[in-house]
Amino acid sequence: METRSETSDQQVPLPPRPVLPDMTAARVRGPADVVEAHWQSLRLSWQWRHAVHQVRSPGRRYPGIVPLLEAAAAQPQLRRLYPFTSHFILLFSSSTSYPWNAQAGSIEPLRNGRFRVRRRGPFTVVGEVATAEEAVALVLELLPTGPEPVITADADETGIP
């Protein structure tokens, strides 16, 4: 007869899904609100995914997307751009809808805890650094000089056909 410990029969509950900002309401208010709402949405979503990963795979490393988003959100120059992620890679756009108008570079959290920064054009590796803050500093150096990029919205977001 097989015996089980009490802890193996008890399943650890997953954290509740976060309440995300209302993107439809943000679109009505304009592109700046869409950008702000998306920053909040990305941070909440990735924090939740990280928490779920810790429950399902305790002890397994999770890419540093959460500290990366926090470091990037702390920078006003990046905070005014629309953030988006693809395969854990963080990018920044001056457009709030597809096709993205990527600005600066991209930051990829690596499985070893480091961060790789790439330039957008030409697409090359700029560096690999130890912290999210260092990666964000490299991306800030890649931002275009001159006037700050203008945040644009597509017709569906502005209500203009």
C-alpha atoms as a PDB file:
ATOM      1  CA  MET A   1       0.000   0.000   0.000  1.00  0.00           C
ATOM      2  CA  GLU A   2       1.370   3.381  -1.041  1.00  0.00           C
ATOM      3  CA  THR A   3       1.436   6.133   1.541  1.00  0.00           C
ATOM      4  CA  ARG A   4       1.478   9.799   0.675  1.00  0.00           C
ATOM      5  CA  SER A   5       2.476  12.719   2.771  1.00  0.00           C
ATOM      6  CA  GLU A   6      -0.143  15.346   3.503  1.00  0.00           C
ATOM      7  CA  THR A   7       1.745  17.977   1.513  1.00  0.00           C
ATOM      8  CA  SER A   8       1.782  15.945  -1.707  1.00  0.00           C
ATOM      9  CA  ASP A   9      -2.026  15.742  -1.696  1.00  0.00           C
ATOM     10  CA  GLN A  10      -2.419  19.474  -1.270  1.00  0.00           C
ATOM     11  CA  GLN A  11      -2.038  21.525  -4.381  1.00  0.00           C
ATOM     12  CA  VAL A  12      -0.604  25.032  -4.064  1.00  0.00           C
ATOM     13  CA  PRO A  13      -3.140  27.480  -5.508  1.00  0.00           C
ATOM     14  CA  LEU A  14      -2.117  29.727  -8.352  1.00  0.00           C
ATOM     15  CA  PRO A  15      -2.170  33.463  -7.691  1.00  0.00           C
ATOM     16  CA  PRO A  16      -5.311  35.239  -8.908  1.00  0.00           C
ATOM     17  CA  ARG A  17      -5.131  36.878 -12.305  1.00  0.00           C
ATOM     18  CA  PRO A  18      -4.523  40.616 -12.063  1.00  0.00           C
ATOM     19  CA  VAL A  19      -7.142  43.182 -12.959  1.00  0.00           C
ATOM     20  CA  LEU A  20      -5.731  44.894 -16.016  1.00  0.00           C
ATOM     21  CA  PRO A  21      -6.358  48.496 -17.076  1.00  0.00           C
ATOM     22  CA  ASP A  22      -9.288  49.140 -19.405  1.00  0.00           C
ATOM     23  CA  MET A  23      -7.572  49.544 -22.780  1.00  0.00           C
ATOM     24  CA  THR A  24     -10.796  50.528 -24.540  1.00  0.00           C
ATOM     25  CA  ALA A  25     -11.287  53.455 -22.159  1.00  0.00           C
ATOM     26  CA  ALA A  26      -7.609  54.389 -22.564  1.00  0.00           C
ATOM     27  CA  ARG A  27      -7.986  54.475 -26.362  1.00  0.00           C
ATOM     28  CA  VAL A  28     -10.914  56.880 -26.010  1.00  0.00           C
ATOM     29  CA  ARG A  29      -8.738  59.215 -23.923  1.00  0.00           C
ATOM     30  CA  GLY A  30      -5.875  59.149 -26.446  1.00  0.00           C
ATOM     31  CA  PRO A  31      -2.456  57.702 -27.260  1.00  0.00           C
ATOM     32  CA  ALA A  32      -0.731  58.909 -24.068  1.00  0.00           C
ATOM     33  CA  ASP A  33      -3.296  57.046 -21.956  1.00  0.00           C
ATOM     34  CA  VAL A  34      -2.916  53.947 -24.150  1.00  0.00           C
ATOM     35  CA  VAL A  35       0.830  54.011 -23.492  1.00  0.00           C
ATOM     36  CA  GLU A  36       0.347  54.377 -19.729  1.00  0.00           C
ATOM     37  CA  ALA A  37      -2.311  51.660 -19.576  1.00  0.00           C
ATOM     38  CA  HIS A  38      -0.127  49.291 -21.578  1.00  0.00           C
ATOM     39  CA  TRP A  39       2.867  49.849 -19.276  1.00  0.00           C
ATOM     40  CA  GLN A  40       0.643  48.919 -16.326  1.00  0.00           C
ATOM     41  CA  SER A  41      -0.833  45.943 -18.163  1.00  0.00           C
ATOM     42  CA  LEU A  42       2.560  44.544 -19.154  1.00  0.00           C
ATOM     43  CA  ARG A  43       3.954  44.865 -15.647  1.00  0.00           C
ATOM     44  CA  LEU A  44       0.910  43.239 -14.012  1.00  0.00           C
ATOM     45  CA  SER A  45       0.773  40.433 -16.595  1.00  0.00           C
ATOM     46  CA  TRP A  46       4.463  39.558 -16.356  1.00  0.00           C
ATOM     47  CA  GLN A  47       4.415  39.756 -12.544  1.00  0.00           C
ATOM     48  CA  TRP A  48       1.515  37.291 -12.555  1.00  0.00           C
ATOM     49  CA  ARG A  49       3.266  34.950 -15.020  1.00  0.00           C
ATOM     50  CA  HIS A  50       6.358  35.028 -12.834  1.00  0.00           C
ATOM     51  CA  ALA A  51       4.320  34.210  -9.721  1.00  0.00           C
ATOM     52  CA  VAL A  52       2.626  31.306 -11.538  1.00  0.00           C
ATOM     53  CA  HIS A  53       6.036  30.041 -12.670  1.00  0.00           C
ATOM     54  CA  GLN A  54       7.266  30.074  -9.067  1.00  0.00           C
ATOM     55  CA  VAL A  55       4.303  27.902  -8.027  1.00  0.00           C
ATOM     56  CA  ARG A  56       4.525  25.484 -10.949  1.00  0.00           C
ATOM     57  CA  SER A  57       8.318  25.309 -11.254  1.00  0.00           C
ATOM     58  CA  PRO A  58       9.859  26.248  -7.915  1.00  0.00           C
ATOM     59  CA  GLY A  59      13.592  26.673  -8.093  1.00  0.00           C
ATOM     60  CA  ARG A  60      13.687  27.041 -11.896  1.00  0.00           C
ATOM     61  CA  ARG A  61      15.063  30.355 -13.097  1.00  0.00           C
ATOM     62  CA  TYR A  62      12.643  32.725 -14.802  1.00  0.00           C
ATOM     63  CA  PRO A  63      13.935  35.303 -17.307  1.00  0.00           C
ATOM     64  CA  GLY A  64      14.320  38.760 -15.749  1.00  0.00           C
ATOM     65  CA  ILE A  65      11.446  40.409 -17.592  1.00  0.00           C
ATOM     66  CA  VAL A  66       9.822  41.735 -14.385  1.00  0.00           C
ATOM     67  CA  PRO A  67      12.856  43.685 -13.114  1.00  0.00           C
ATOM     68  CA  LEU A  68      13.496  44.791 -16.689  1.00  0.00           C
ATOM     69  CA  LEU A  69      10.011  46.277 -17.022  1.00  0.00           C
ATOM     70  CA  GLU A  70      10.399  47.998 -13.652  1.00  0.00           C
ATOM     71  CA  ALA A  71      13.764  49.499 -14.626  1.00  0.00           C
ATOM     72  CA  ALA A  72      12.468  50.657 -18.019  1.00  0.00           C
ATOM     73  CA  ALA A  73       9.278  52.119 -16.525  1.00  0.00           C
ATOM     74  CA  ALA A  74      11.386  54.238 -14.180  1.00  0.00           C
ATOM     75  CA  GLN A  75      12.878  56.127 -17.157  1.00  0.00           C
ATOM     76  CA  PRO A  76      10.702  59.014 -18.428  1.00  0.00           C
ATOM     77  CA  GLN A  77      12.181  58.823 -21.947  1.00  0.00           C
ATOM     78  CA  LEU A  78      11.094  55.187 -22.282  1.00  0.00           C
ATOM     79  CA  ARG A  79       7.905  55.585 -20.265  1.00  0.00           C
ATOM     80  CA  ARG A  80       6.429  57.791 -22.980  1.00  0.00           C
ATOM     81  CA  LEU A  81       6.944  55.075 -25.613  1.00  0.00           C
ATOM     82  CA  TYR A  82       4.599  52.125 -26.115  1.00  0.00           C
ATOM     83  CA  PRO A  83       6.266  49.026 -24.652  1.00  0.00           C
ATOM     84  CA  PHE A  84       5.725  45.609 -26.157  1.00  0.00           C
ATOM     85  CA  THR A  85       7.224  42.188 -25.640  1.00  0.00           C
ATOM     86  CA  SER A  86       7.908  39.258 -27.886  1.00  0.00           C
ATOM     87  CA  HIS A  87       9.504  36.062 -26.589  1.00  0.00           C
ATOM     88  CA  PHE A  88      10.509  37.884 -23.374  1.00  0.00           C
ATOM     89  CA  ILE A  89      12.231  40.635 -25.412  1.00  0.00           C
ATOM     90  CA  LEU A  90      11.233  44.199 -24.513  1.00  0.00           C
ATOM     91  CA  LEU A  91      10.886  46.775 -27.283  1.00  0.00           C
ATOM     92  CA  PHE A  92       9.587  50.350 -27.475  1.00  0.00           C
ATOM     93  CA  SER A  93       7.391  51.888 -30.180  1.00  0.00           C
ATOM     94  CA  SER A  94       6.217  55.371 -31.056  1.00  0.00           C
ATOM     95  CA  SER A  95       3.052  53.776 -32.426  1.00  0.00           C
ATOM     96  CA  THR A  96       0.369  52.326 -30.177  1.00  0.00           C
ATOM     97  CA  SER A  97      -0.688  49.747 -32.756  1.00  0.00           C
ATOM     98  CA  TYR A  98       0.775  47.365 -35.289  1.00  0.00           C
ATOM     99  CA  PRO A  99       2.858  47.908 -37.349  1.00  0.00           C
ATOM    100  CA  TRP A 100       5.152  49.020 -34.548  1.00  0.00           C
ATOM    101  CA  ASN A 101       7.550  51.886 -35.086  1.00  0.00           C
ATOM    102  CA  ALA A 102      10.338  50.536 -32.898  1.00  0.00           C
ATOM    103  CA  GLN A 103      12.589  53.124 -31.301  1.00  0.00           C
ATOM    104  CA  ALA A 104      16.086  52.627 -29.901  1.00  0.00           C
ATOM    105  CA  GLY A 105      16.806  48.974 -29.341  1.00  0.00           C
ATOM    106  CA  SER A 106      15.549  45.860 -27.681  1.00  0.00           C
ATOM    107  CA  ILE A 107      16.436  44.187 -24.401  1.00  0.00           C
ATOM    108  CA  GLU A 108      16.437  40.436 -23.945  1.00  0.00           C
ATOM    109  CA  PRO A 109      16.640  38.924 -20.466  1.00  0.00           C
ATOM    110  CA  LEU A 110      18.851  35.861 -20.704  1.00  0.00           C
ATOM    111  CA  ARG A 111      18.436  32.587 -18.799  1.00  0.00           C
ATOM    112  CA  ASN A 112      21.753  33.199 -17.024  1.00  0.00           C
ATOM    113  CA  GLY A 113      20.362  36.362 -15.391  1.00  0.00           C
ATOM    114  CA  ARG A 114      22.118  38.789 -17.726  1.00  0.00           C
ATOM    115  CA  PHE A 115      20.568  41.098 -20.364  1.00  0.00           C
ATOM    116  CA  ARG A 116      21.397  41.450 -24.067  1.00  0.00           C
ATOM    117  CA  VAL A 117      20.792  44.791 -25.791  1.00  0.00           C
ATOM    118  CA  ARG A 118      20.387  45.011 -29.546  1.00  0.00           C
ATOM    119  CA  ARG A 119      20.277  48.015 -31.870  1.00  0.00           C
ATOM    120  CA  ARG A 120      17.251  48.187 -34.200  1.00  0.00           C
ATOM    121  CA  GLY A 121      18.956  49.388 -37.347  1.00  0.00           C
ATOM    122  CA  PRO A 122      21.292  47.841 -38.180  1.00  0.00           C
ATOM    123  CA  PHE A 123      20.180  44.908 -36.046  1.00  0.00           C
ATOM    124  CA  THR A 124      23.321  44.224 -34.002  1.00  0.00           C
ATOM    125  CA  VAL A 125      24.218  43.309 -30.444  1.00  0.00           C
ATOM    126  CA  VAL A 126      25.323  46.411 -28.537  1.00  0.00           C
ATOM    127  CA  GLY A 127      26.231  44.627 -25.347  1.00  0.00           C
ATOM    128  CA  GLU A 128      25.454  42.103 -22.665  1.00  0.00           C
ATOM    129  CA  VAL A 129      25.182  43.434 -19.118  1.00  0.00           C
ATOM    130  CA  ALA A 130      24.554  42.120 -15.618  1.00  0.00           C
ATOM    131  CA  THR A 131      21.548  44.197 -14.549  1.00  0.00           C
ATOM    132  CA  ALA A 132      18.271  45.476 -15.935  1.00  0.00           C
ATOM    133  CA  GLU A 133      19.310  49.027 -15.047  1.00  0.00           C
ATOM    134  CA  GLU A 134      22.501  48.718 -17.124  1.00  0.00           C
ATOM    135  CA  ALA A 135      20.493  47.352 -20.059  1.00  0.00           C
ATOM    136  CA  VAL A 136      18.037  50.230 -19.849  1.00  0.00           C
ATOM    137  CA  ALA A 137      20.944  52.705 -19.777  1.00  0.00           C
ATOM    138  CA  LEU A 138      22.286  51.185 -23.009  1.00  0.00           C
ATOM    139  CA  VAL A 139      18.874  51.449 -24.688  1.00  0.00           C
ATOM    140  CA  LEU A 140      18.560  55.082 -23.601  1.00  0.00           C
ATOM    141  CA  GLU A 141      21.808  55.792 -25.463  1.00  0.00           C
ATOM    142  CA  LEU A 142      20.248  54.283 -28.599  1.00  0.00           C
ATOM    143  CA  LEU A 143      17.207  56.568 -28.611  1.00  0.00           C
ATOM    144  CA  PRO A 144      17.121  58.883 -31.615  1.00  0.00           C
ATOM    145  CA  THR A 145      18.584  62.335 -31.041  1.00  0.00           C
ATOM    146  CA  GLY A 146      16.608  65.465 -31.725  1.00  0.00           C
ATOM    147  CA  PRO A 147      12.915  65.829 -31.045  1.00  0.00           C
ATOM    148  CA  GLU A 148      11.303  63.067 -29.035  1.00  0.00           C
ATOM    149  CA  PRO A 149       9.272  60.605 -31.087  1.00  0.00           C
ATOM    150  CA  VAL A 150       5.617  61.460 -31.418  1.00  0.00           C
ATOM    151  CA  ILE A 151       3.201  58.835 -30.150  1.00  0.00           C
ATOM    152  CA  THR A 152       0.764  57.964 -32.873  1.00  0.00           C
ATOM    153  CA  ALA A 153      -2.465  56.018 -32.850  1.00  0.00           C
ATOM    154  CA  ASP A 154      -4.263  54.314 -35.680  1.00  0.00           C
ATOM    155  CA  ALA A 155      -7.690  55.467 -36.860  1.00  0.00           C
ATOM    156  CA  ASP A 156      -9.513  52.894 -34.722  1.00  0.00           C
ATOM    157  CA  GLU A 157      -7.975  54.328 -31.568  1.00  0.00           C
ATOM    158  CA  THR A 158      -8.804  57.931 -32.314  1.00  0.00           C
ATOM    159  CA  GLY A 159     -12.294  57.289 -33.559  1.00  0.00           C
ATOM    160  CA  ILE A 160     -11.421  58.997 -36.852  1.00  0.00           C
ATOM    161  CA  PRO A 161     -12.160  56.822 -39.923  1.00  0.00           C
END
